[in-house]
Amino acid sequence: MNLEERFVNGELEAILFTTPTCSYCPAAKDHLSKFDNVTIEDATKNRELAAKYNIMSAPSLVILGDDIEFKVVNKDSIMKL
């Protein structure tokens, strides 16, 4: 099972990075609200955490695996989860 499947099954935690000016972020937040294993972070307020995961655009979802992270970048990709 890959990291995306493990996330959808609730086995892994994830962080959704958004920004206040992102027009696609509300749709991504709404879509991911069905998952209990997602934390939402404003990348402009938590710059240190965004830098840790090399966040360059919003929305970006970081799925936290055992020893790796997997990024899902842009609304269309996030909506497929």
PDB file of N, CA and C in Angstrom:
ATOM      1  N   MET A   1       0.849  -1.178   0.000  1.00  0.00           N
ATOM      2  CA  MET A   1       0.000   0.000   0.000  1.00  0.00           C
ATOM      3  C   MET A   1       0.894   1.241   0.000  1.00  0.00           C
ATOM      4  N   ASN A   2       0.598   2.211  -0.866  1.00  0.00           N
ATOM      5  CA  ASN A   2       1.429   3.409  -0.929  1.00  0.00           C
ATOM      6  C   ASN A   2       1.019   4.428   0.146  1.00  0.00           C
ATOM      7  N   LEU A   3       1.781   5.503   0.256  1.00  0.00           N
ATOM      8  CA  LEU A   3       1.522   6.489   1.310  1.00  0.00           C
ATOM      9  C   LEU A   3       0.164   7.157   1.153  1.00  0.00           C
ATOM     10  N   GLU A   4      -0.247   7.456  -0.072  1.00  0.00           N
ATOM     11  CA  GLU A   4      -1.564   8.075  -0.280  1.00  0.00           C
ATOM     12  C   GLU A   4      -2.678   7.160   0.216  1.00  0.00           C
ATOM     13  N   GLU A   5      -2.595   5.882  -0.102  1.00  0.00           N
ATOM     14  CA  GLU A   5      -3.614   4.927   0.343  1.00  0.00           C
ATOM     15  C   GLU A   5      -3.611   4.789   1.865  1.00  0.00           C
ATOM     16  N   ARG A   6      -2.434   4.778   2.451  1.00  0.00           N
ATOM     17  CA  ARG A   6      -2.340   4.686   3.913  1.00  0.00           C
ATOM     18  C   ARG A   6      -2.922   5.926   4.581  1.00  0.00           C
ATOM     19  N   PHE A   7      -2.748   7.098   3.962  1.00  0.00           N
ATOM     20  CA  PHE A   7      -3.345   8.320   4.492  1.00  0.00           C
ATOM     21  C   PHE A   7      -4.870   8.229   4.431  1.00  0.00           C
ATOM     22  N   VAL A   8      -5.398   7.869   3.260  1.00  0.00           N
ATOM     23  CA  VAL A   8      -6.845   7.788   3.075  1.00  0.00           C
ATOM     24  C   VAL A   8      -7.458   6.789   4.056  1.00  0.00           C
ATOM     25  N   ASN A   9      -6.740   5.723   4.361  1.00  0.00           N
ATOM     26  CA  ASN A   9      -7.223   4.718   5.311  1.00  0.00           C
ATOM     27  C   ASN A   9      -7.062   5.156   6.761  1.00  0.00           C
ATOM     28  N   GLY A  10      -6.499   6.333   6.994  1.00  0.00           N
ATOM     29  CA  GLY A  10      -6.361   6.849   8.353  1.00  0.00           C
ATOM     30  C   GLY A  10      -5.124   6.378   9.087  1.00  0.00           C
ATOM     31  N   GLU A  11      -4.217   5.712   8.396  1.00  0.00           N
ATOM     32  CA  GLU A  11      -3.014   5.184   9.039  1.00  0.00           C
ATOM     33  C   GLU A  11      -1.933   6.232   9.236  1.00  0.00           C
ATOM     34  N   LEU A  12      -1.940   7.304   8.418  1.00  0.00           N
ATOM     35  CA  LEU A  12      -0.891   8.324   8.466  1.00  0.00           C
ATOM     36  C   LEU A  12      -1.495   9.705   8.672  1.00  0.00           C
ATOM     37  N   GLU A  13      -0.737  10.571   9.317  1.00  0.00           N
ATOM     38  CA  GLU A  13      -1.132  11.961   9.521  1.00  0.00           C
ATOM     39  C   GLU A  13      -0.695  12.793   8.318  1.00  0.00           C
ATOM     40  N   ALA A  14      -1.320  13.956   8.154  1.00  0.00           N
ATOM     41  CA  ALA A  14      -0.946  14.860   7.073  1.00  0.00           C
ATOM     42  C   ALA A  14      -1.120  16.304   7.531  1.00  0.00           C
ATOM     43  N   ILE A  15      -0.410  17.192   6.863  1.00  0.00           N
ATOM     44  CA  ILE A  15      -0.518  18.629   7.113  1.00  0.00           C
ATOM     45  C   ILE A  15      -0.906  19.295   5.802  1.00  0.00           C
ATOM     46  N   LEU A  16      -1.980  20.079   5.834  1.00  0.00           N
ATOM     47  CA  LEU A  16      -2.381  20.862   4.679  1.00  0.00           C
ATOM     48  C   LEU A  16      -1.894  22.288   4.886  1.00  0.00           C
ATOM     49  N   PHE A  17      -1.040  22.759   3.985  1.00  0.00           N
ATOM     50  CA  PHE A  17      -0.532  24.127   4.044  1.00  0.00           C
ATOM     51  C   PHE A  17      -1.391  24.999   3.130  1.00  0.00           C
ATOM     52  N   THR A  18      -1.901  26.083   3.697  1.00  0.00           N
ATOM     53  CA  THR A  18      -2.727  27.026   2.971  1.00  0.00           C
ATOM     54  C   THR A  18      -2.164  28.434   3.161  1.00  0.00           C
ATOM     55  N   THR A  19      -2.729  29.390   2.446  1.00  0.00           N
ATOM     56  CA  THR A  19      -2.416  30.807   2.653  1.00  0.00           C
ATOM     57  C   THR A  19      -3.729  31.583   2.582  1.00  0.00           C
ATOM     58  N   PRO A  20      -3.764  32.762   3.197  1.00  0.00           N
ATOM     59  CA  PRO A  20      -4.998  33.551   3.182  1.00  0.00           C
ATOM     60  C   PRO A  20      -5.427  34.009   1.787  1.00  0.00           C
ATOM     61  N   THR A  21      -4.500  34.166   0.874  1.00  0.00           N
ATOM     62  CA  THR A  21      -4.827  34.661  -0.468  1.00  0.00           C
ATOM     63  C   THR A  21      -5.034  33.551  -1.497  1.00  0.00           C
ATOM     64  N   CYS A  22      -4.892  32.315  -1.078  1.00  0.00           N
ATOM     65  CA  CYS A  22      -5.031  31.170  -1.987  1.00  0.00           C
ATOM     66  C   CYS A  22      -6.502  30.945  -2.328  1.00  0.00           C
ATOM     67  N   SER A  23      -6.831  31.064  -3.594  1.00  0.00           N
ATOM     68  CA  SER A  23      -8.229  30.888  -4.004  1.00  0.00           C
ATOM     69  C   SER A  23      -8.644  29.412  -4.066  1.00  0.00           C
ATOM     70  N   TYR A  24      -7.681  28.507  -4.137  1.00  0.00           N
ATOM     71  CA  TYR A  24      -7.983  27.080  -4.198  1.00  0.00           C
ATOM     72  C   TYR A  24      -8.002  26.417  -2.827  1.00  0.00           C
ATOM     73  N   CYS A  25      -7.475  27.078  -1.824  1.00  0.00           N
ATOM     74  CA  CYS A  25      -7.351  26.487  -0.491  1.00  0.00           C
ATOM     75  C   CYS A  25      -8.692  26.151   0.169  1.00  0.00           C
ATOM     76  N   PRO A  26      -9.724  26.997   0.062  1.00  0.00           N
ATOM     77  CA  PRO A  26     -11.004  26.624   0.686  1.00  0.00           C
ATOM     78  C   PRO A  26     -11.571  25.299   0.160  1.00  0.00           C
ATOM     79  N   ALA A  27     -11.452  25.050  -1.132  1.00  0.00           N
ATOM     80  CA  ALA A  27     -11.944  23.790  -1.695  1.00  0.00           C
ATOM     81  C   ALA A  27     -11.135  22.608  -1.159  1.00  0.00           C
ATOM     82  N   ALA A  28      -9.817  22.780  -1.061  1.00  0.00           N
ATOM     83  CA  ALA A  28      -8.967  21.709  -0.530  1.00  0.00           C
ATOM     84  C   ALA A  28      -9.299  21.451   0.936  1.00  0.00           C
ATOM     85  N   LYS A  29      -9.471  22.519   1.719  1.00  0.00           N
ATOM     86  CA  LYS A  29      -9.839  22.367   3.139  1.00  0.00           C
ATOM     87  C   LYS A  29     -11.170  21.639   3.270  1.00  0.00           C
ATOM     88  N   ASP A  30     -12.146  22.046   2.479  1.00  0.00           N
ATOM     89  CA  ASP A  30     -13.468  21.430   2.538  1.00  0.00           C
ATOM     90  C   ASP A  30     -13.388  19.949   2.189  1.00  0.00           C
ATOM     91  N   HIS A  31     -12.654  19.634   1.141  1.00  0.00           N
ATOM     92  CA  HIS A  31     -12.515  18.235   0.716  1.00  0.00           C
ATOM     93  C   HIS A  31     -11.839  17.389   1.797  1.00  0.00           C
ATOM     94  N   LEU A  32     -10.798  17.926   2.417  1.00  0.00           N
ATOM     95  CA  LEU A  32     -10.049  17.157   3.413  1.00  0.00           C
ATOM     96  C   LEU A  32     -10.711  17.158   4.782  1.00  0.00           C
ATOM     97  N   SER A  33     -11.783  17.916   4.960  1.00  0.00           N
ATOM     98  CA  SER A  33     -12.456  17.958   6.261  1.00  0.00           C
ATOM     99  C   SER A  33     -13.056  16.602   6.642  1.00  0.00           C
ATOM    100  N   LYS A  34     -13.222  15.719   5.677  1.00  0.00           N
ATOM    101  CA  LYS A  34     -13.754  14.385   5.973  1.00  0.00           C
ATOM    102  C   LYS A  34     -12.719  13.484   6.649  1.00  0.00           C
ATOM    103  N   PHE A  35     -11.458  13.914   6.651  1.00  0.00           N
ATOM    104  CA  PHE A  35     -10.394  13.131   7.278  1.00  0.00           C
ATOM    105  C   PHE A  35     -10.068  13.694   8.662  1.00  0.00           C
ATOM    106  N   ASP A  36      -9.977  12.826   9.640  1.00  0.00           N
ATOM    107  CA  ASP A  36      -9.610  13.248  10.998  1.00  0.00           C
ATOM    108  C   ASP A  36      -8.106  13.381  11.179  1.00  0.00           C
ATOM    109  N   ASN A  37      -7.339  12.929  10.214  1.00  0.00           N
ATOM    110  CA  ASN A  37      -5.889  12.869  10.355  1.00  0.00           C
ATOM    111  C   ASN A  37      -5.168  13.991   9.605  1.00  0.00           C
ATOM    112  N   VAL A  38      -5.848  15.147   9.428  1.00  0.00           N
ATOM    113  CA  VAL A  38      -5.254  16.291   8.736  1.00  0.00           C
ATOM    114  C   VAL A  38      -5.196  17.494   9.672  1.00  0.00           C
ATOM    115  N   THR A  39      -4.032  18.109   9.735  1.00  0.00           N
ATOM    116  CA  THR A  39      -3.852  19.372  10.439  1.00  0.00           C
ATOM    117  C   THR A  39      -3.719  20.462   9.390  1.00  0.00           C
ATOM    118  N   ILE A  40      -4.399  21.578   9.605  1.00  0.00           N
ATOM    119  CA  ILE A  40      -4.321  22.686   8.649  1.00  0.00           C
ATOM    120  C   ILE A  40      -3.413  23.766   9.214  1.00  0.00           C
ATOM    121  N   GLU A  41      -2.442  24.181   8.404  1.00  0.00           N
ATOM    122  CA  GLU A  41      -1.486  25.212   8.801  1.00  0.00           C
ATOM    123  C   GLU A  41      -1.474  26.339   7.781  1.00  0.00           C
ATOM    124  N   ASP A  42      -1.457  27.564   8.264  1.00  0.00           N
ATOM    125  CA  ASP A  42      -1.288  28.735   7.410  1.00  0.00           C
ATOM    126  C   ASP A  42       0.217  28.896   7.176  1.00  0.00           C
ATOM    127  N   ALA A  43       0.642  28.706   5.943  1.00  0.00           N
ATOM    128  CA  ALA A  43       2.075  28.758   5.624  1.00  0.00           C
ATOM    129  C   ALA A  43       2.673  30.137   5.867  1.00  0.00           C
ATOM    130  N   THR A  44       1.850  31.184   5.842  1.00  0.00           N
ATOM    131  CA  THR A  44       2.376  32.531   6.088  1.00  0.00           C
ATOM    132  C   THR A  44       2.580  32.803   7.571  1.00  0.00           C
ATOM    133  N   LYS A  45       1.880  32.068   8.412  1.00  0.00           N
ATOM    134  CA  LYS A  45       2.021  32.248   9.862  1.00  0.00           C
ATOM    135  C   LYS A  45       3.003  31.250  10.469  1.00  0.00           C
ATOM    136  N   ASN A  46       3.125  30.097   9.867  1.00  0.00           N
ATOM    137  CA  ASN A  46       4.040  29.075  10.373  1.00  0.00           C
ATOM    138  C   ASN A  46       5.122  28.826   9.318  1.00  0.00           C
ATOM    139  N   ARG A  47       5.916  29.865   9.089  1.00  0.00           N
ATOM    140  CA  ARG A  47       6.952  29.807   8.039  1.00  0.00           C
ATOM    141  C   ARG A  47       8.018  28.750   8.326  1.00  0.00           C
ATOM    142  N   GLU A  48       8.319  28.550   9.585  1.00  0.00           N
ATOM    143  CA  GLU A  48       9.348  27.564   9.938  1.00  0.00           C
ATOM    144  C   GLU A  48       8.910  26.158   9.530  1.00  0.00           C
ATOM    145  N   LEU A  49       7.662  25.809   9.822  1.00  0.00           N
ATOM    146  CA  LEU A  49       7.163  24.490   9.444  1.00  0.00           C
ATOM    147  C   LEU A  49       7.056  24.369   7.919  1.00  0.00           C
ATOM    148  N   ALA A  50       6.607  25.431   7.270  1.00  0.00           N
ATOM    149  CA  ALA A  50       6.525  25.419   5.803  1.00  0.00           C
ATOM    150  C   ALA A  50       7.912  25.243   5.187  1.00  0.00           C
ATOM    151  N   ALA A  51       8.909  25.894   5.762  1.00  0.00           N
ATOM    152  CA  ALA A  51      10.283  25.755   5.263  1.00  0.00           C
ATOM    153  C   ALA A  51      10.804  24.334   5.481  1.00  0.00           C
ATOM    154  N   LYS A  52      10.452  23.745   6.609  1.00  0.00           N
ATOM    155  CA  LYS A  52      10.896  22.369   6.909  1.00  0.00           C
ATOM    156  C   LYS A  52      10.458  21.400   5.807  1.00  0.00           C
ATOM    157  N   TYR A  53       9.264  21.610   5.281  1.00  0.00           N
ATOM    158  CA  TYR A  53       8.731  20.728   4.244  1.00  0.00           C
ATOM    159  C   TYR A  53       8.864  21.320   2.843  1.00  0.00           C
ATOM    160  N   ASN A  54       9.612  22.420   2.719  1.00  0.00           N
ATOM    161  CA  ASN A  54       9.891  23.044   1.433  1.00  0.00           C
ATOM    162  C   ASN A  54       8.603  23.372   0.660  1.00  0.00           C
ATOM    163  N   ILE A  55       7.674  23.995   1.355  1.00  0.00           N
ATOM    164  CA  ILE A  55       6.396  24.371   0.747  1.00  0.00           C
ATOM    165  C   ILE A  55       6.610  25.596  -0.128  1.00  0.00           C
ATOM    166  N   MET A  56       6.285  25.483  -1.400  1.00  0.00           N
ATOM    167  CA  MET A  56       6.477  26.567  -2.356  1.00  0.00           C
ATOM    168  C   MET A  56       5.162  27.095  -2.924  1.00  0.00           C
ATOM    169  N   SER A  57       4.072  26.359  -2.722  1.00  0.00           N
ATOM    170  CA  SER A  57       2.785  26.807  -3.229  1.00  0.00           C
ATOM    171  C   SER A  57       1.669  26.264  -2.340  1.00  0.00           C
ATOM    172  N   ALA A  58       0.516  26.884  -2.463  1.00  0.00           N
ATOM    173  CA  ALA A  58      -0.639  26.453  -1.689  1.00  0.00           C
ATOM    174  C   ALA A  58      -1.792  26.190  -2.654  1.00  0.00           C
ATOM    175  N   PRO A  59      -2.592  25.201  -2.351  1.00  0.00           N
ATOM    176  CA  PRO A  59      -2.483  24.305  -1.216  1.00  0.00           C
ATOM    177  C   PRO A  59      -1.453  23.201  -1.467  1.00  0.00           C
ATOM    178  N   SER A  60      -0.807  22.776  -0.393  1.00  0.00           N
ATOM    179  CA  SER A  60       0.111  21.646  -0.429  1.00  0.00           C
ATOM    180  C   SER A  60      -0.202  20.745   0.745  1.00  0.00           C
ATOM    181  N   LEU A  61      -0.334  19.469   0.475  1.00  0.00           N
ATOM    182  CA  LEU A  61      -0.595  18.478   1.506  1.00  0.00           C
ATOM    183  C   LEU A  61       0.660  17.646   1.686  1.00  0.00           C
ATOM    184  N   VAL A  62       1.145  17.563   2.906  1.00  0.00           N
ATOM    185  CA  VAL A  62       2.308  16.738   3.203  1.00  0.00           C
ATOM    186  C   VAL A  62       1.822  15.536   3.995  1.00  0.00           C
ATOM    187  N   ILE A  63       1.983  14.358   3.431  1.00  0.00           N
ATOM    188  CA  ILE A  63       1.628  13.117   4.113  1.00  0.00           C
ATOM    189  C   ILE A  63       2.875  12.624   4.829  1.00  0.00           C
ATOM    190  N   LEU A  64       2.740  12.415   6.114  1.00  0.00           N
ATOM    191  CA  LEU A  64       3.893  12.060   6.951  1.00  0.00           C
ATOM    192  C   LEU A  64       3.983  10.547   7.083  1.00  0.00           C
ATOM    193  N   GLY A  65       4.958   9.966   6.385  1.00  0.00           N
ATOM    194  CA  GLY A  65       5.192   8.533   6.456  1.00  0.00           C
ATOM    195  C   GLY A  65       6.122   8.196   7.602  1.00  0.00           C
ATOM    196  N   ASP A  66       6.502   6.948   7.681  1.00  0.00           N
ATOM    197  CA  ASP A  66       7.357   6.490   8.774  1.00  0.00           C
ATOM    198  C   ASP A  66       8.675   7.257   8.807  1.00  0.00           C
ATOM    199  N   ASP A  67       9.395   7.247   7.720  1.00  0.00           N
ATOM    200  CA  ASP A  67      10.670   7.959   7.651  1.00  0.00           C
ATOM    201  C   ASP A  67      10.731   8.923   6.479  1.00  0.00           C
ATOM    202  N   ILE A  68       9.614   9.116   5.801  1.00  0.00           N
ATOM    203  CA  ILE A  68       9.602   9.998   4.639  1.00  0.00           C
ATOM    204  C   ILE A  68       8.340  10.851   4.641  1.00  0.00           C
ATOM    205  N   GLU A  69       8.376  11.908   3.855  1.00  0.00           N
ATOM    206  CA  GLU A  69       7.195  12.727   3.635  1.00  0.00           C
ATOM    207  C   GLU A  69       6.861  12.665   2.153  1.00  0.00           C
ATOM    208  N   PHE A  70       5.583  12.778   1.870  1.00  0.00           N
ATOM    209  CA  PHE A  70       5.126  12.774   0.487  1.00  0.00           C
ATOM    210  C   PHE A  70       4.248  13.994   0.291  1.00  0.00           C
ATOM    211  N   LYS A  71       4.554  14.808  -0.714  1.00  0.00           N
ATOM    212  CA  LYS A  71       3.785  16.029  -0.966  1.00  0.00           C
ATOM    213  C   LYS A  71       2.781  15.820  -2.088  1.00  0.00           C
ATOM    214  N   VAL A  72       1.567  16.305  -1.849  1.00  0.00           N
ATOM    215  CA  VAL A  72       0.543  16.360  -2.869  1.00  0.00           C
ATOM    216  C   VAL A  72       0.298  17.845  -3.088  1.00  0.00           C
ATOM    217  N   VAL A  73       0.676  18.347  -4.262  1.00  0.00           N
ATOM    218  CA  VAL A  73       0.647  19.782  -4.527  1.00  0.00           C
ATOM    219  C   VAL A  73      -0.448  20.108  -5.540  1.00  0.00           C
ATOM    220  N   ASN A  74      -1.229  21.076  -5.271  1.00  0.00           N
ATOM    221  CA  ASN A  74      -2.292  21.706  -6.054  1.00  0.00           C
ATOM    222  C   ASN A  74      -3.651  21.072  -5.763  1.00  0.00           C
ATOM    223  N   LYS A  75      -4.657  21.875  -5.953  1.00  0.00           N
ATOM    224  CA  LYS A  75      -6.029  21.484  -5.600  1.00  0.00           C
ATOM    225  C   LYS A  75      -6.487  20.245  -6.353  1.00  0.00           C
ATOM    226  N   ASP A  76      -6.213  20.166  -7.631  1.00  0.00           N
ATOM    227  CA  ASP A  76      -6.695  19.033  -8.415  1.00  0.00           C
ATOM    228  C   ASP A  76      -6.149  17.709  -7.906  1.00  0.00           C
ATOM    229  N   SER A  77      -4.879  17.685  -7.548  1.00  0.00           N
ATOM    230  CA  SER A  77      -4.277  16.456  -7.016  1.00  0.00           C
ATOM    231  C   SER A  77      -4.833  16.119  -5.640  1.00  0.00           C
ATOM    232  N   ILE A  78      -5.047  17.131  -4.823  1.00  0.00           N
ATOM    233  CA  ILE A  78      -5.592  16.911  -3.481  1.00  0.00           C
ATOM    234  C   ILE A  78      -7.027  16.380  -3.576  1.00  0.00           C
ATOM    235  N   MET A  79      -7.787  16.892  -4.518  1.00  0.00           N
ATOM    236  CA  MET A  79      -9.193  16.478  -4.662  1.00  0.00           C
ATOM    237  C   MET A  79      -9.334  15.013  -5.085  1.00  0.00           C
ATOM    238  N   LYS A  80      -8.271  14.421  -5.594  1.00  0.00           N
ATOM    239  CA  LYS A  80      -8.310  13.017  -6.014  1.00  0.00           C
ATOM    240  C   LYS A  80      -8.206  12.057  -4.828  1.00  0.00           C
ATOM    241  N   LEU A  81      -7.821  12.562  -3.680  1.00  0.00           N
ATOM    242  CA  LEU A  81      -7.669  11.700  -2.503  1.00  0.00           C
ATOM    243  C   LEU A  81      -9.024  11.306  -1.944  1.00  0.00           C
TER     244      LEU A  81
END
